[in-house]
N, C-alpha and C. Protein backbone atom coordinates (compact mmCIF):
# COMPACT_ATOMS: atom_id res chain seq x y z
N UNK A 1 -40.50 54.36 168.08
CA UNK A 1 -39.33 54.25 168.93
C UNK A 1 -38.38 53.23 168.32
N UNK A 2 -37.13 53.41 168.61
CA UNK A 2 -36.10 52.52 168.09
C UNK A 2 -36.30 51.09 168.61
N UNK A 3 -35.86 50.13 167.81
CA UNK A 3 -36.01 48.74 168.21
C UNK A 3 -34.96 48.36 169.26
N UNK A 4 -33.87 49.12 169.31
CA UNK A 4 -32.82 48.80 170.28
C UNK A 4 -33.24 49.27 171.67
N UNK A 5 -32.93 48.47 172.68
CA UNK A 5 -33.24 48.91 174.04
C UNK A 5 -31.98 49.39 174.74
N UNK A 6 -30.82 49.08 174.16
CA UNK A 6 -29.56 49.55 174.72
C UNK A 6 -28.75 50.19 173.61
N UNK A 7 -28.16 51.33 173.92
CA UNK A 7 -27.34 52.04 172.96
C UNK A 7 -25.89 51.88 173.40
N UNK A 8 -24.99 51.75 172.41
CA UNK A 8 -23.58 51.57 172.78
C UNK A 8 -23.06 52.79 173.56
N UNK A 9 -22.01 52.54 174.32
CA UNK A 9 -21.43 53.55 175.20
C UNK A 9 -21.05 54.82 174.45
N UNK A 10 -21.26 55.96 175.07
CA UNK A 10 -20.83 57.25 174.54
C UNK A 10 -19.90 57.87 175.59
N UNK A 11 -19.17 58.93 175.26
CA UNK A 11 -18.36 59.60 176.29
C UNK A 11 -19.22 60.03 177.48
N UNK A 12 -20.47 60.41 177.20
CA UNK A 12 -21.38 60.85 178.27
C UNK A 12 -21.74 59.70 179.21
N UNK A 13 -22.16 58.57 178.65
CA UNK A 13 -22.55 57.45 179.50
C UNK A 13 -21.34 56.85 180.21
N UNK A 14 -20.18 56.88 179.56
CA UNK A 14 -18.96 56.37 180.20
C UNK A 14 -18.63 57.21 181.43
N UNK A 15 -18.75 58.54 181.31
CA UNK A 15 -18.49 59.42 182.44
C UNK A 15 -19.48 59.17 183.58
N UNK A 16 -20.76 59.06 183.23
CA UNK A 16 -21.78 58.83 184.26
C UNK A 16 -21.56 57.50 184.97
N UNK A 17 -21.25 56.45 184.21
CA UNK A 17 -20.99 55.15 184.84
C UNK A 17 -19.77 55.24 185.76
N UNK A 18 -18.72 55.93 185.31
CA UNK A 18 -17.51 56.08 186.12
C UNK A 18 -17.81 56.83 187.43
N UNK A 19 -18.78 57.73 187.38
CA UNK A 19 -19.16 58.51 188.55
C UNK A 19 -20.20 57.76 189.41
N UNK A 20 -20.63 56.60 188.94
CA UNK A 20 -21.62 55.81 189.68
C UNK A 20 -23.03 56.38 189.62
N UNK A 21 -23.32 57.11 188.54
CA UNK A 21 -24.64 57.73 188.38
C UNK A 21 -25.59 56.75 187.70
N UNK A 22 -26.74 56.53 188.32
CA UNK A 22 -27.77 55.66 187.72
C UNK A 22 -28.54 56.47 186.69
N UNK A 23 -28.80 55.86 185.53
CA UNK A 23 -29.60 56.53 184.50
C UNK A 23 -30.39 55.50 183.72
N UNK A 24 -31.48 55.96 183.10
CA UNK A 24 -32.27 55.10 182.22
C UNK A 24 -32.00 55.53 180.79
N UNK A 25 -32.11 54.59 179.86
CA UNK A 25 -31.84 54.87 178.45
C UNK A 25 -33.14 54.97 177.67
N UNK A 26 -33.20 55.98 176.80
CA UNK A 26 -34.41 56.21 176.01
C UNK A 26 -34.06 56.51 174.56
N UNK A 27 -33.77 55.46 173.77
CA UNK A 27 -33.51 55.69 172.35
C UNK A 27 -34.80 56.02 171.61
N UNK A 28 -34.69 56.81 170.57
CA UNK A 28 -35.86 57.15 169.75
C UNK A 28 -35.40 57.44 168.33
N UNK A 29 -36.34 57.51 167.43
CA UNK A 29 -36.03 57.78 166.02
C UNK A 29 -35.71 59.26 165.88
N UNK A 30 -34.44 59.58 165.57
CA UNK A 30 -33.99 60.97 165.46
C UNK A 30 -34.61 61.63 164.23
N UNK A 31 -35.02 62.88 164.39
CA UNK A 31 -35.55 63.67 163.29
C UNK A 31 -34.74 64.95 163.18
N UNK A 32 -34.11 65.17 162.03
CA UNK A 32 -33.32 66.38 161.81
C UNK A 32 -34.17 67.61 162.12
N UNK A 33 -33.67 68.49 162.94
CA UNK A 33 -34.35 69.72 163.37
C UNK A 33 -35.64 69.45 164.16
N UNK A 34 -35.80 68.24 164.66
CA UNK A 34 -36.99 67.91 165.46
C UNK A 34 -36.91 68.48 166.86
N UNK A 35 -35.69 68.52 167.38
CA UNK A 35 -35.46 69.11 168.70
C UNK A 35 -36.09 68.35 169.84
N UNK A 36 -36.07 69.01 170.98
CA UNK A 36 -36.57 68.41 172.22
C UNK A 36 -38.08 68.15 172.15
N UNK A 37 -38.79 69.00 171.44
CA UNK A 37 -40.24 68.81 171.31
C UNK A 37 -40.54 67.47 170.64
N UNK A 38 -39.78 67.15 169.58
CA UNK A 38 -39.98 65.89 168.86
C UNK A 38 -39.67 64.69 169.76
N UNK A 39 -38.51 64.73 170.42
CA UNK A 39 -38.14 63.58 171.25
C UNK A 39 -39.14 63.40 172.39
N UNK A 40 -39.61 64.50 172.96
CA UNK A 40 -40.61 64.41 174.04
C UNK A 40 -41.88 63.75 173.53
N UNK A 41 -42.32 64.16 172.35
CA UNK A 41 -43.56 63.60 171.78
C UNK A 41 -43.41 62.11 171.49
N UNK A 42 -42.30 61.73 170.85
CA UNK A 42 -42.07 60.33 170.49
C UNK A 42 -41.96 59.44 171.73
N UNK A 43 -41.31 59.96 172.78
CA UNK A 43 -41.09 59.16 173.99
C UNK A 43 -42.22 59.29 175.02
N UNK A 44 -43.17 60.20 174.75
CA UNK A 44 -44.27 60.39 175.69
C UNK A 44 -43.88 61.16 176.94
N UNK A 45 -42.86 62.02 176.81
CA UNK A 45 -42.40 62.84 177.94
C UNK A 45 -43.00 64.24 177.84
N UNK A 46 -43.09 64.92 178.97
CA UNK A 46 -43.46 66.33 179.01
C UNK A 46 -42.25 67.11 178.49
N UNK A 47 -42.43 67.97 177.46
CA UNK A 47 -41.28 68.71 176.92
C UNK A 47 -40.58 69.58 177.98
N UNK A 48 -41.27 69.93 179.05
CA UNK A 48 -40.68 70.73 180.12
C UNK A 48 -39.60 69.93 180.86
N UNK A 49 -39.72 68.58 180.83
CA UNK A 49 -38.74 67.72 181.53
C UNK A 49 -37.64 67.21 180.61
N UNK A 50 -37.75 67.50 179.31
CA UNK A 50 -36.69 67.15 178.36
C UNK A 50 -35.76 68.35 178.29
N UNK A 51 -34.50 68.14 178.61
CA UNK A 51 -33.56 69.25 178.73
C UNK A 51 -32.63 69.31 177.52
N UNK A 52 -32.60 70.51 176.91
CA UNK A 52 -31.71 70.75 175.77
C UNK A 52 -30.33 71.15 176.29
N UNK A 53 -29.29 70.69 175.59
CA UNK A 53 -27.91 71.09 175.88
C UNK A 53 -27.49 72.04 174.77
N UNK A 54 -27.32 73.31 175.12
CA UNK A 54 -27.01 74.35 174.14
C UNK A 54 -25.58 74.85 174.34
N UNK A 55 -24.79 74.80 173.27
CA UNK A 55 -23.42 75.32 173.33
C UNK A 55 -23.47 76.76 172.83
N UNK A 56 -23.07 77.68 173.72
CA UNK A 56 -23.10 79.10 173.40
C UNK A 56 -21.71 79.68 173.63
N UNK A 57 -21.55 80.97 173.34
CA UNK A 57 -20.27 81.62 173.57
C UNK A 57 -20.50 83.05 174.04
N UNK A 58 -19.51 83.56 174.79
CA UNK A 58 -19.61 84.94 175.25
C UNK A 58 -18.97 85.87 174.21
N UNK A 59 -18.85 87.16 174.55
CA UNK A 59 -18.31 88.16 173.62
C UNK A 59 -16.87 87.87 173.22
N UNK A 60 -16.15 87.08 174.01
CA UNK A 60 -14.76 86.74 173.69
C UNK A 60 -14.65 85.38 173.01
N UNK A 61 -15.79 84.84 172.57
CA UNK A 61 -15.88 83.52 171.92
C UNK A 61 -15.49 82.39 172.86
N UNK A 62 -15.60 82.61 174.18
CA UNK A 62 -15.37 81.53 175.16
C UNK A 62 -16.64 80.71 175.24
N UNK A 63 -16.53 79.38 175.03
CA UNK A 63 -17.74 78.55 175.02
C UNK A 63 -18.30 78.29 176.42
N UNK A 64 -19.60 78.05 176.45
CA UNK A 64 -20.29 77.68 177.67
C UNK A 64 -21.49 76.83 177.29
N UNK A 65 -21.99 76.09 178.27
CA UNK A 65 -23.15 75.23 178.02
C UNK A 65 -24.32 75.74 178.84
N UNK A 66 -25.49 75.76 178.22
CA UNK A 66 -26.72 76.13 178.91
C UNK A 66 -27.68 74.95 178.81
N UNK A 67 -28.22 74.53 179.96
CA UNK A 67 -29.23 73.47 179.99
C UNK A 67 -30.58 74.14 180.14
N UNK A 68 -31.48 73.87 179.18
CA UNK A 68 -32.77 74.56 179.13
C UNK A 68 -33.90 73.57 178.88
N UNK A 69 -35.07 73.89 179.44
CA UNK A 69 -36.27 73.08 179.19
C UNK A 69 -36.50 72.97 177.68
N UNK A 70 -37.01 71.81 177.26
CA UNK A 70 -37.26 71.57 175.84
C UNK A 70 -38.27 72.50 175.21
N UNK A 71 -39.17 73.06 176.01
CA UNK A 71 -40.20 73.94 175.46
C UNK A 71 -40.00 75.40 175.87
N UNK A 72 -38.76 75.77 176.14
CA UNK A 72 -38.40 77.15 176.46
C UNK A 72 -37.16 77.52 175.66
N UNK A 73 -36.89 78.83 175.56
CA UNK A 73 -35.64 79.25 174.95
C UNK A 73 -34.88 80.14 175.92
N UNK A 74 -33.63 80.39 175.57
CA UNK A 74 -32.74 81.15 176.45
C UNK A 74 -32.83 82.64 176.13
N UNK A 75 -33.04 83.44 177.17
CA UNK A 75 -32.89 84.89 177.04
C UNK A 75 -31.41 85.16 177.18
N UNK A 76 -30.73 85.42 176.05
CA UNK A 76 -29.28 85.61 176.09
C UNK A 76 -28.92 86.87 176.87
N UNK A 77 -29.80 87.89 176.85
CA UNK A 77 -29.54 89.11 177.64
C UNK A 77 -29.55 88.80 179.13
N UNK A 78 -30.58 88.07 179.59
CA UNK A 78 -30.65 87.70 181.01
C UNK A 78 -29.47 86.82 181.41
N UNK A 79 -29.14 85.87 180.55
CA UNK A 79 -28.02 84.96 180.84
C UNK A 79 -26.72 85.76 180.96
N UNK A 80 -26.43 86.61 179.98
CA UNK A 80 -25.20 87.40 180.00
C UNK A 80 -25.11 88.22 181.28
N UNK A 81 -26.19 88.86 181.66
CA UNK A 81 -26.21 89.69 182.87
C UNK A 81 -25.88 88.84 184.11
N UNK A 82 -26.47 87.65 184.18
CA UNK A 82 -26.28 86.80 185.37
C UNK A 82 -24.88 86.18 185.47
N UNK A 83 -24.22 85.97 184.32
CA UNK A 83 -22.90 85.34 184.38
C UNK A 83 -21.77 86.37 184.24
N UNK A 84 -22.15 87.65 184.17
CA UNK A 84 -21.14 88.70 184.10
C UNK A 84 -20.48 88.84 182.74
N UNK A 85 -21.21 88.50 181.68
CA UNK A 85 -20.69 88.65 180.32
C UNK A 85 -21.35 89.85 179.66
N UNK A 86 -20.67 90.42 178.66
CA UNK A 86 -21.27 91.53 177.91
C UNK A 86 -22.39 91.01 177.01
N UNK A 87 -22.13 89.84 176.41
CA UNK A 87 -23.13 89.23 175.53
C UNK A 87 -22.91 87.74 175.46
N UNK A 88 -23.99 87.04 175.08
CA UNK A 88 -23.94 85.58 174.88
C UNK A 88 -24.73 85.29 173.62
N UNK A 89 -24.22 84.38 172.80
CA UNK A 89 -24.94 83.97 171.59
C UNK A 89 -24.68 82.50 171.34
N UNK A 90 -25.60 81.84 170.62
CA UNK A 90 -25.37 80.43 170.27
C UNK A 90 -24.15 80.30 169.36
N UNK A 91 -23.41 79.23 169.52
CA UNK A 91 -22.29 78.93 168.61
C UNK A 91 -22.85 78.43 167.29
N UNK A 92 -22.11 78.63 166.23
CA UNK A 92 -22.46 78.01 164.96
C UNK A 92 -22.34 76.49 165.16
N UNK A 93 -23.16 75.69 164.45
CA UNK A 93 -23.13 74.23 164.67
C UNK A 93 -21.73 73.61 164.59
N UNK A 94 -20.93 73.99 163.60
CA UNK A 94 -19.60 73.37 163.46
C UNK A 94 -18.69 73.77 164.63
N UNK A 95 -18.86 74.98 165.16
CA UNK A 95 -18.07 75.42 166.32
C UNK A 95 -18.53 74.66 167.57
N UNK A 96 -19.84 74.53 167.72
CA UNK A 96 -20.40 73.77 168.86
C UNK A 96 -19.90 72.33 168.82
N UNK A 97 -19.89 71.71 167.64
CA UNK A 97 -19.40 70.34 167.49
C UNK A 97 -17.94 70.23 167.93
N UNK A 98 -17.13 71.23 167.54
CA UNK A 98 -15.70 71.22 167.87
C UNK A 98 -15.50 71.34 169.39
N UNK A 99 -16.24 72.24 170.03
CA UNK A 99 -16.09 72.43 171.48
C UNK A 99 -16.55 71.20 172.26
N UNK A 100 -17.71 70.64 171.86
CA UNK A 100 -18.31 69.57 172.67
C UNK A 100 -17.80 68.18 172.30
N UNK A 101 -17.42 68.00 171.04
CA UNK A 101 -17.05 66.66 170.58
C UNK A 101 -18.27 65.84 170.16
N UNK A 102 -19.45 66.45 170.24
CA UNK A 102 -20.70 65.79 169.84
C UNK A 102 -21.28 66.52 168.64
N UNK A 103 -22.11 65.82 167.87
CA UNK A 103 -22.83 66.46 166.78
C UNK A 103 -24.02 67.23 167.36
N UNK A 104 -24.30 68.39 166.78
CA UNK A 104 -25.49 69.14 167.20
C UNK A 104 -26.69 68.22 167.00
N UNK A 105 -27.57 68.18 167.99
CA UNK A 105 -28.70 67.25 167.97
C UNK A 105 -28.39 66.01 168.80
N UNK A 106 -27.12 65.85 169.15
CA UNK A 106 -26.69 64.73 169.98
C UNK A 106 -25.71 65.19 171.05
N UNK A 107 -25.81 66.48 171.42
CA UNK A 107 -24.88 67.06 172.39
C UNK A 107 -25.32 66.76 173.81
N UNK A 108 -24.41 66.19 174.57
CA UNK A 108 -24.63 65.95 175.99
C UNK A 108 -23.71 66.88 176.78
N UNK A 109 -24.15 67.34 177.95
CA UNK A 109 -23.24 68.15 178.76
C UNK A 109 -22.18 67.30 179.45
N UNK A 110 -22.39 65.98 179.45
CA UNK A 110 -21.47 65.04 180.10
C UNK A 110 -20.45 64.52 179.10
N UNK A 111 -19.19 64.49 179.46
CA UNK A 111 -18.17 63.91 178.59
C UNK A 111 -17.81 64.76 177.39
N UNK A 112 -17.89 66.08 177.54
CA UNK A 112 -17.54 66.97 176.42
C UNK A 112 -16.04 66.92 176.15
N UNK A 113 -15.67 67.26 174.93
CA UNK A 113 -14.27 67.24 174.51
C UNK A 113 -13.45 68.22 175.34
N UNK A 114 -14.00 69.42 175.55
CA UNK A 114 -13.29 70.39 176.37
C UNK A 114 -14.17 70.82 177.53
N UNK A 115 -13.55 71.12 178.65
CA UNK A 115 -14.30 71.57 179.82
C UNK A 115 -14.86 72.96 179.56
N UNK A 116 -16.13 73.14 179.85
CA UNK A 116 -16.79 74.44 179.67
C UNK A 116 -17.66 74.69 180.90
N UNK A 117 -17.83 75.96 181.27
CA UNK A 117 -18.76 76.23 182.37
C UNK A 117 -20.17 75.82 181.95
N UNK A 118 -20.94 75.27 182.90
CA UNK A 118 -22.30 74.82 182.61
C UNK A 118 -23.27 75.63 183.46
N UNK A 119 -24.32 76.13 182.82
CA UNK A 119 -25.38 76.87 183.50
C UNK A 119 -26.68 76.12 183.27
N UNK A 120 -27.47 76.00 184.32
CA UNK A 120 -28.73 75.25 184.24
C UNK A 120 -29.87 76.16 184.64
N UNK A 121 -30.93 76.18 183.85
CA UNK A 121 -32.13 76.93 184.22
C UNK A 121 -32.58 76.43 185.58
N UNK A 122 -32.72 77.34 186.52
CA UNK A 122 -32.99 77.00 187.92
C UNK A 122 -34.19 76.06 188.11
N UNK A 123 -35.26 76.26 187.33
CA UNK A 123 -36.47 75.46 187.51
C UNK A 123 -36.26 73.99 187.13
N UNK A 124 -35.22 73.70 186.35
CA UNK A 124 -34.90 72.30 186.00
C UNK A 124 -34.52 71.53 187.26
N UNK A 125 -33.81 72.19 188.16
CA UNK A 125 -33.33 71.53 189.38
C UNK A 125 -34.45 71.14 190.33
N UNK A 126 -35.63 71.73 190.15
CA UNK A 126 -36.77 71.40 191.02
C UNK A 126 -37.55 70.17 190.52
N UNK A 127 -37.24 69.71 189.31
CA UNK A 127 -37.95 68.55 188.75
C UNK A 127 -37.47 67.27 189.41
N UNK A 128 -38.36 66.26 189.54
CA UNK A 128 -37.93 65.00 190.14
C UNK A 128 -36.99 64.21 189.23
N UNK A 129 -37.17 64.34 187.91
CA UNK A 129 -36.36 63.62 186.93
C UNK A 129 -36.35 64.38 185.61
N UNK A 130 -35.24 64.28 184.89
CA UNK A 130 -35.16 64.91 183.58
C UNK A 130 -34.67 63.90 182.55
N UNK A 131 -34.95 64.20 181.28
CA UNK A 131 -34.39 63.44 180.16
C UNK A 131 -33.44 64.41 179.46
N UNK A 132 -32.21 63.98 179.27
CA UNK A 132 -31.17 64.83 178.68
C UNK A 132 -30.39 63.99 177.68
N UNK A 133 -29.76 64.63 176.71
CA UNK A 133 -29.08 63.87 175.68
C UNK A 133 -27.95 63.03 176.27
N UNK A 134 -27.86 61.81 175.77
CA UNK A 134 -26.85 60.86 176.25
C UNK A 134 -25.60 60.81 175.38
N UNK A 135 -25.46 61.76 174.46
CA UNK A 135 -24.24 61.81 173.66
C UNK A 135 -24.36 61.24 172.26
N UNK A 136 -25.59 61.13 171.78
CA UNK A 136 -25.82 60.62 170.43
C UNK A 136 -27.19 61.10 169.97
N UNK A 137 -27.31 61.36 168.68
CA UNK A 137 -28.62 61.74 168.14
C UNK A 137 -29.59 60.58 168.34
N UNK A 138 -30.80 60.91 168.80
CA UNK A 138 -31.80 59.87 169.01
C UNK A 138 -31.60 59.07 170.29
N UNK A 139 -30.99 59.70 171.30
CA UNK A 139 -30.70 58.98 172.54
C UNK A 139 -30.74 59.92 173.74
N UNK A 140 -31.79 59.76 174.54
CA UNK A 140 -31.89 60.52 175.78
C UNK A 140 -31.64 59.59 176.96
N UNK A 141 -31.16 60.17 178.06
CA UNK A 141 -31.02 59.41 179.29
C UNK A 141 -31.83 60.11 180.38
N UNK A 142 -32.39 59.31 181.26
CA UNK A 142 -33.17 59.85 182.38
C UNK A 142 -32.30 59.88 183.63
N UNK A 143 -32.21 61.07 184.25
CA UNK A 143 -31.40 61.23 185.46
C UNK A 143 -32.09 62.16 186.45
N UNK A 144 -31.58 62.16 187.66
CA UNK A 144 -31.97 63.14 188.66
C UNK A 144 -31.29 64.46 188.25
N UNK A 145 -32.01 65.57 188.19
CA UNK A 145 -31.39 66.82 187.74
C UNK A 145 -30.23 67.29 188.62
N UNK A 146 -30.20 66.85 189.88
CA UNK A 146 -29.10 67.25 190.77
C UNK A 146 -27.75 66.72 190.28
N UNK A 147 -27.78 65.68 189.43
CA UNK A 147 -26.55 65.15 188.85
C UNK A 147 -25.82 66.25 188.07
N UNK A 148 -26.58 67.16 187.46
CA UNK A 148 -25.97 68.26 186.69
C UNK A 148 -25.12 69.14 187.60
N UNK A 149 -25.56 69.34 188.82
CA UNK A 149 -24.81 70.15 189.78
C UNK A 149 -23.64 69.34 190.33
N UNK A 150 -23.92 68.08 190.71
CA UNK A 150 -22.90 67.24 191.33
C UNK A 150 -21.75 66.89 190.38
N UNK A 151 -22.08 66.52 189.15
CA UNK A 151 -21.05 66.05 188.21
C UNK A 151 -20.47 67.19 187.37
N UNK A 152 -21.31 68.15 186.98
CA UNK A 152 -20.87 69.21 186.07
C UNK A 152 -20.58 70.53 186.77
N UNK A 153 -20.91 70.60 188.07
CA UNK A 153 -20.79 71.87 188.80
C UNK A 153 -21.62 72.95 188.12
N UNK A 154 -22.79 72.56 187.60
CA UNK A 154 -23.67 73.51 186.90
C UNK A 154 -24.17 74.58 187.86
N UNK A 155 -24.15 75.82 187.38
CA UNK A 155 -24.61 76.97 188.18
C UNK A 155 -26.04 77.32 187.76
N UNK A 156 -26.95 77.45 188.74
CA UNK A 156 -28.33 77.82 188.40
C UNK A 156 -28.43 79.26 187.89
N UNK A 157 -29.23 79.44 186.85
CA UNK A 157 -29.52 80.78 186.30
C UNK A 157 -31.01 80.86 186.02
N UNK A 158 -31.50 82.08 185.83
CA UNK A 158 -32.90 82.29 185.46
C UNK A 158 -32.91 83.02 184.13
N UNK A 159 -33.06 82.26 183.04
CA UNK A 159 -33.02 82.87 181.72
C UNK A 159 -34.00 82.24 180.74
N UNK A 160 -35.01 81.51 181.25
CA UNK A 160 -35.97 80.85 180.37
C UNK A 160 -37.04 81.83 179.91
N UNK A 161 -37.37 81.74 178.63
CA UNK A 161 -38.51 82.46 178.09
C UNK A 161 -39.34 81.50 177.25
N UNK A 162 -40.64 81.76 177.20
CA UNK A 162 -41.52 80.88 176.42
C UNK A 162 -41.18 80.94 174.95
N UNK A 163 -41.36 79.82 174.27
CA UNK A 163 -41.12 79.75 172.81
C UNK A 163 -42.14 80.56 172.07
């Protein structure tokens, strides 16, 4: 784990503080392509409670964010059907970076560069607490999952499939 116990402010943490949202900070040693499974292992979290922020796009290249369990993947067919899109696919990393203002691997749904609709896997909302990216690689924050609905207006969907 990182030696730092506090990470400097990010657009995500600035937004949460402005909204009066309490969160815990969990810095860790970032590993390229390590993903949520790596951060969960390093921090001793259940990967089911570590939430990935995925920037995707519909058939018209309109961006959207999907919040998914760290040990699940998105069924793009199920997601598209539920949100009324013809198709949904992940954005290329450079496109995702442009939409969110964050580097892939450090993308937070909070404080994105441009407003995008946010969809959250329904089972995430039933968890007592989640760890989600705080806007920097190697930095998770712990929050109540209801914050995703309250602050982001995230819409629940059912699109998780096992890895």
